[in-house]
Protein backbone atom coordinates (compact mmCIF):
# COMPACT_ATOMS: atom_id res chain seq x y z
CA MET A 1 141.47 158.07 129.32
CA SER A 2 141.58 156.20 126.03
CA SER A 3 139.82 155.96 122.80
CA VAL A 4 138.43 152.92 121.15
CA TYR A 5 138.31 152.58 117.48
CA CYS A 6 136.75 150.33 114.95
CA LEU A 7 135.94 150.20 111.18
CA ALA A 8 132.40 149.79 109.79
CA LYS A 9 131.87 148.10 106.41
CA THR A 10 128.71 149.90 105.40
CA ASN A 11 127.07 153.18 106.13
CA GLY A 12 124.17 151.40 107.75
CA GLN A 13 126.43 149.57 110.19
CA ALA A 14 128.19 152.79 111.06
CA VAL A 15 124.83 154.46 111.90
CA ARG A 16 123.60 151.38 114.07
CA ILE A 17 126.77 151.53 116.06
CA ALA A 18 126.43 155.29 116.58
CA ASP A 19 122.69 155.07 117.65
CA ARG A 20 123.81 152.29 120.10
CA LEU A 21 126.55 154.27 121.45
CA ARG A 22 124.06 157.26 122.03
CA ALA A 23 121.50 155.01 123.61
CA ALA A 24 124.37 153.67 125.99
CA GLY A 25 124.77 157.39 127.22
CA PHE A 26 127.98 158.49 125.24
CA ASN A 27 128.23 161.99 124.83
CA SER A 28 128.21 163.30 120.94
CA ASN A 29 131.32 165.21 121.87
CA ASP A 30 133.11 161.87 122.57
CA ILE A 31 132.19 160.21 119.26
CA SER A 32 134.18 160.62 116.03
CA VAL A 33 133.08 159.17 112.63
CA LEU A 34 135.18 159.44 109.41
CA CYS A 35 133.84 158.29 106.23
CA PRO A 36 134.84 158.81 102.65
CA ASP A 37 132.31 160.88 100.75
CA CYS A 38 132.05 158.81 97.73
CA ASP A 39 129.14 160.24 96.26
CA SER A 40 129.73 163.82 96.11
CA THR A 41 129.49 166.95 98.24
CA ARG A 42 125.76 167.32 97.32
CA ASP A 43 124.81 163.85 98.62
CA PHE A 44 125.81 164.06 102.21
CA ALA A 45 125.45 160.19 102.23
CA ILE A 46 124.36 157.41 104.49
CA ASP A 47 121.88 154.66 104.06
CA ASN A 48 122.62 151.29 102.96
CA SER A 49 119.57 149.54 104.50
CA THR A 50 117.97 149.99 101.15
CA LYS A 51 119.55 147.26 98.96
CA ALA A 52 119.20 148.96 95.42
CA PRO A 53 120.08 146.58 92.61
CA GLU A 54 123.33 147.17 91.08
CA GLY A 55 123.41 150.20 88.82
CA THR A 56 120.29 151.49 90.11
CA ALA A 57 120.23 155.25 91.03
CA ILE A 58 119.33 155.80 94.68
CA GLY A 59 117.03 158.67 95.03
CA ALA A 60 118.07 162.28 96.00
CA GLY A 61 116.25 161.51 99.41
CA THR A 62 119.27 159.58 100.89
CA GLY A 63 121.29 162.65 101.19
CA ALA A 64 119.04 163.85 104.14
CA VAL A 65 119.56 160.59 105.95
CA ILE A 66 122.90 161.28 107.43
CA GLY A 67 121.71 164.48 108.76
CA GLY A 68 118.99 162.68 110.58
CA THR A 69 120.80 159.62 111.65
CA LEU A 70 124.22 161.23 112.66
CA GLY A 71 123.36 164.91 112.79
CA TRP A 72 123.47 164.82 116.63
CA LEU A 73 127.32 164.23 116.33
CA ALA A 74 129.37 167.22 117.22
CA GLY A 75 130.69 169.31 114.35
CA ILE A 76 129.80 167.18 111.46
CA GLY A 77 131.13 168.33 108.10
CA MET A 78 133.18 167.88 104.66
CA LEU A 79 136.98 167.77 104.75
CA ALA A 80 139.18 167.72 101.97
CA ILE A 81 142.03 165.61 102.94
CA PRO A 82 145.21 166.12 100.79
CA GLY A 83 145.82 162.98 98.52
CA LEU A 84 142.52 161.23 99.52
CA GLY A 85 139.83 163.52 98.63
CA PRO A 86 136.57 164.57 100.28
CA PHE A 87 135.47 162.89 103.66
CA ILE A 88 132.61 163.49 105.95
CA ALA A 89 133.89 163.82 109.62
CA ALA A 90 132.35 164.41 112.73
CA GLY A 91 133.44 164.64 116.65
CA PRO A 92 136.95 165.16 117.86
CA ILE A 93 138.64 163.79 114.89
CA MET A 94 137.28 166.55 112.79
CA ALA A 95 139.30 169.12 114.52
CA ALA A 96 142.52 166.93 114.46
CA LEU A 97 141.96 166.42 110.71
CA SER A 98 141.37 169.88 109.78
CA GLY A 99 144.31 171.05 111.86
CA ALA A 100 146.29 168.46 109.82
CA ALA A 101 144.77 169.60 106.56
CA ALA A 102 145.26 173.40 107.34
CA GLY A 103 148.88 172.83 108.47
CA GLY A 104 149.46 170.89 105.25
CA THR A 105 150.72 168.02 107.39
CA VAL A 106 152.19 165.31 105.59
CA GLY A 107 150.54 161.95 106.60
CA GLY A 108 146.78 162.97 106.11
CA ILE A 109 144.71 160.59 108.00
CA SER A 110 147.32 158.30 109.53
CA GLY A 111 149.20 161.36 110.96
CA ALA A 112 146.08 162.83 112.49
CA LEU A 113 145.07 159.54 114.06
CA ILE A 114 148.58 158.95 115.60
CA GLY A 115 147.97 162.46 117.01
CA LEU A 116 145.05 161.11 118.55
CA GLY A 117 146.63 158.30 120.15
CA VAL A 118 146.09 155.65 117.59
CA PRO A 119 149.27 153.33 117.46
CA GLU A 120 151.17 153.94 114.09
CA TYR A 121 150.55 150.51 112.51
CA GLU A 122 146.90 150.72 113.11
CA ALA A 123 146.44 154.22 111.80
CA GLN A 124 148.11 153.20 108.51
CA ARG A 125 145.95 150.18 108.16
CA TYR A 126 142.87 152.25 108.96
CA GLU A 127 143.95 154.93 106.23
CA GLY A 128 144.10 151.98 103.84
CA LYS A 129 140.60 150.73 104.73
CA LEU A 130 139.16 154.24 104.58
CA LYS A 131 140.44 154.65 100.94
CA ASP A 132 138.49 151.38 100.36
CA GLY A 133 135.42 152.85 101.73
CA HIS A 134 135.17 151.84 105.27
CA ILE A 135 133.97 154.03 107.91
CA LEU A 136 136.16 154.97 111.08
CA LEU A 137 134.41 155.30 114.34
CA SER A 138 136.20 156.13 117.64
CA VAL A 139 134.86 156.87 121.15
CA HIS A 140 136.62 158.85 123.90
CA THR A 141 136.21 156.91 127.18
CA GLU A 142 136.88 157.87 130.69
CA THR A 143 136.81 154.59 132.57
CA SER A 144 137.73 151.05 131.96
CA ALA A 145 134.03 150.19 132.02
CA GLN A 146 133.13 152.46 129.39
CA THR A 147 135.88 151.09 127.33
CA ALA A 148 134.60 147.49 127.90
CA ARG A 149 131.03 148.86 126.79
CA VAL A 150 132.15 150.52 123.62
CA ARG A 151 134.11 147.43 122.71
CA GLN A 152 131.02 145.36 123.40
CA ILE A 153 128.86 147.37 121.11
CA PHE A 154 131.51 147.20 118.35
CA SER A 155 131.88 143.53 118.53
CA GLU A 156 128.02 142.85 118.74
CA GLU A 157 127.64 144.96 115.52
CA LYS A 158 130.47 143.02 113.77
CA ALA A 159 132.74 145.97 113.45
CA GLU A 160 136.08 145.27 112.09
CA ASP A 161 139.85 146.09 113.48
CA ILE A 162 138.67 147.04 116.90
CA SER A 163 141.48 148.54 118.88
CA THR A 164 142.05 150.91 121.94
CA GLY A 165 144.61 153.47 122.04
CA ALA A 166 145.73 155.64 124.93
CA GLU A 167 145.03 159.33 124.47
CA VAL A 168 147.84 161.74 123.86
CA ALA A 169 147.26 164.67 126.26
CA VAL A 170 146.75 167.78 124.52
CA ALA A 171 148.29 170.86 126.15
CA HIS A 172 145.85 173.85 126.47
CA HIS A 173 147.33 177.26 126.57
């Protein structure tokens, strides 16, 4: 079992990737998305396909977009990450991050990512890119064929920083 990670530069790109993963048969419980909530909690974010001119307010309607486009993901919600502010998270990463946040774990996002099996240097780079507004996507895969399919979708959609990490086995009590 492993996970494949990438960064999307825009919300629209992240939504396209997630939609393609769903079309390819990946389960919503296997897909994680993490994005900075730059707008505010009321605007639950995501549609950059409408290219509004600089400085133009994008209507209140955009808030509903993420619900429709990524609402099929498991456990989507807001998360305040100490030192980084509000994020929108969905999937397995949500549990890892809320555990880290609840435990007051030092290391925030990179600590949670390392806990999910991301190599430390990648986790730190991802955290930096998330601070700059990039969106992290990850997919849990069971087979090498699934891993290859995810990597193909990520690269076809021009995602950045694609990497694969071995998952750390979580002990269930």
